[in-house]
Amino acid sequence: MPGIDTVAQADQGSANWLVYLLFIVAGLLVGGTWSAYQADNRPLAIFLAFCAAVAFAGAAFWLMGAMN
């Protein structure tokens, strides 16, 4: 059935911007982690590093298609 493939491709194409957004958020969180580390705010640095890792993992898994 060609209609199902077309819908799946359209849905995949519209979700690509979310992958880019997650990578951007992960990068910003890494920058925040570095800033918190330099300011000797260890709990915030750990929290931001965890959030960055989750955002990066989510983007990577979504990019590979594991979350579809």
C-alpha atoms as a PDB file:
ATOM      1  CA  MET A   1       0.000   0.000   0.000  1.00  0.00           C
ATOM      2  CA  PRO A   2       1.835   3.146  -1.134  1.00  0.00           C
ATOM      3  CA  GLY A   3      -0.203   5.473   1.101  1.00  0.00           C
ATOM      4  CA  ILE A   4       1.297   4.063   4.297  1.00  0.00           C
ATOM      5  CA  ASP A   5       4.885   4.541   3.101  1.00  0.00           C
ATOM      6  CA  THR A   6       4.147   8.113   2.072  1.00  0.00           C
ATOM      7  CA  VAL A   7       2.698   8.930   5.498  1.00  0.00           C
ATOM      8  CA  ALA A   8       5.678   7.362   7.271  1.00  0.00           C
ATOM      9  CA  GLN A   9       8.134   9.334   5.142  1.00  0.00           C
ATOM     10  CA  ALA A  10       6.262  12.598   5.676  1.00  0.00           C
ATOM     11  CA  ASP A  11       6.137  11.994   9.427  1.00  0.00           C
ATOM     12  CA  GLN A  12       9.868  11.212   9.514  1.00  0.00           C
ATOM     13  CA  GLY A  13      10.709  14.345   7.560  1.00  0.00           C
ATOM     14  CA  SER A  14       8.694  16.599   9.834  1.00  0.00           C
ATOM     15  CA  ALA A  15      10.365  15.170  12.948  1.00  0.00           C
ATOM     16  CA  ASN A  16      13.923  15.845  11.736  1.00  0.00           C
ATOM     17  CA  TRP A  17      13.938  19.349  13.166  1.00  0.00           C
ATOM     18  CA  LEU A  18      13.385  17.858  16.633  1.00  0.00           C
ATOM     19  CA  VAL A  19      16.631  15.905  16.315  1.00  0.00           C
ATOM     20  CA  TYR A  20      18.509  19.085  15.431  1.00  0.00           C
ATOM     21  CA  LEU A  21      16.836  20.907  18.301  1.00  0.00           C
ATOM     22  CA  LEU A  22      17.870  18.209  20.774  1.00  0.00           C
ATOM     23  CA  PHE A  23      21.481  18.364  19.557  1.00  0.00           C
ATOM     24  CA  ILE A  24      21.452  22.154  19.945  1.00  0.00           C
ATOM     25  CA  VAL A  25      19.995  21.893  23.454  1.00  0.00           C
ATOM     26  CA  ALA A  26      22.606  19.280  24.360  1.00  0.00           C
ATOM     27  CA  GLY A  27      25.371  21.587  23.150  1.00  0.00           C
ATOM     28  CA  LEU A  28      24.034  24.518  25.137  1.00  0.00           C
ATOM     29  CA  LEU A  29      23.770  22.334  28.221  1.00  0.00           C
ATOM     30  CA  VAL A  30      27.393  21.253  27.803  1.00  0.00           C
ATOM     31  CA  GLY A  31      28.366  24.930  27.712  1.00  0.00           C
ATOM     32  CA  GLY A  32      26.355  25.534  30.870  1.00  0.00           C
ATOM     33  CA  THR A  33      28.015  22.549  32.489  1.00  0.00           C
ATOM     34  CA  TRP A  34      31.450  23.956  31.730  1.00  0.00           C
ATOM     35  CA  SER A  35      30.473  27.363  33.087  1.00  0.00           C
ATOM     36  CA  ALA A  36      29.089  25.848  36.296  1.00  0.00           C
ATOM     37  CA  TYR A  37      32.230  23.725  36.680  1.00  0.00           C
ATOM     38  CA  GLN A  38      34.472  26.761  36.310  1.00  0.00           C
ATOM     39  CA  ALA A  39      32.357  28.626  38.885  1.00  0.00           C
ATOM     40  CA  ASP A  40      32.891  25.722  41.347  1.00  0.00           C
ATOM     41  CA  ASN A  41      29.190  24.941  41.429  1.00  0.00           C
ATOM     42  CA  ARG A  42      29.517  21.159  41.393  1.00  0.00           C
ATOM     43  CA  PRO A  43      25.860  20.167  41.992  1.00  0.00           C
ATOM     44  CA  LEU A  44      24.671  22.353  39.116  1.00  0.00           C
ATOM     45  CA  ALA A  45      27.455  21.052  36.880  1.00  0.00           C
ATOM     46  CA  ILE A  46      26.436  17.463  37.593  1.00  0.00           C
ATOM     47  CA  PHE A  47      22.769  18.225  36.958  1.00  0.00           C
ATOM     48  CA  LEU A  48      23.491  20.022  33.690  1.00  0.00           C
ATOM     49  CA  ALA A  49      25.821  17.236  32.554  1.00  0.00           C
ATOM     50  CA  PHE A  50      23.066  14.699  33.202  1.00  0.00           C
ATOM     51  CA  CYS A  51      20.553  16.806  31.248  1.00  0.00           C
ATOM     52  CA  ALA A  52      23.033  17.176  28.374  1.00  0.00           C
ATOM     53  CA  ALA A  53      23.609  13.426  28.285  1.00  0.00           C
ATOM     54  CA  VAL A  54      19.861  12.742  28.204  1.00  0.00           C
ATOM     55  CA  ALA A  55      19.326  15.279  25.405  1.00  0.00           C
ATOM     56  CA  PHE A  56      22.226  13.862  23.391  1.00  0.00           C
ATOM     57  CA  ALA A  57      21.096  10.263  23.898  1.00  0.00           C
ATOM     58  CA  GLY A  58      17.532  11.165  22.935  1.00  0.00           C
ATOM     59  CA  ALA A  59      18.706  12.875  19.758  1.00  0.00           C
ATOM     60  CA  ALA A  60      21.017  10.003  18.853  1.00  0.00           C
ATOM     61  CA  PHE A  61      18.361   7.333  19.429  1.00  0.00           C
ATOM     62  CA  TRP A  62      15.766   9.353  17.536  1.00  0.00           C
ATOM     63  CA  LEU A  63      18.212   9.817  14.664  1.00  0.00           C
ATOM     64  CA  MET A  64      18.820   6.060  14.527  1.00  0.00           C
ATOM     65  CA  GLY A  65      15.103   5.412  14.531  1.00  0.00           C
ATOM     66  CA  ALA A  66      14.977   3.611  17.867  1.00  0.00           C
ATOM     67  CA  MET A  67      12.249   5.892  19.196  1.00  0.00           C
ATOM     68  CA  ASN A  68       9.873   5.510  16.235  1.00  0.00           C
END
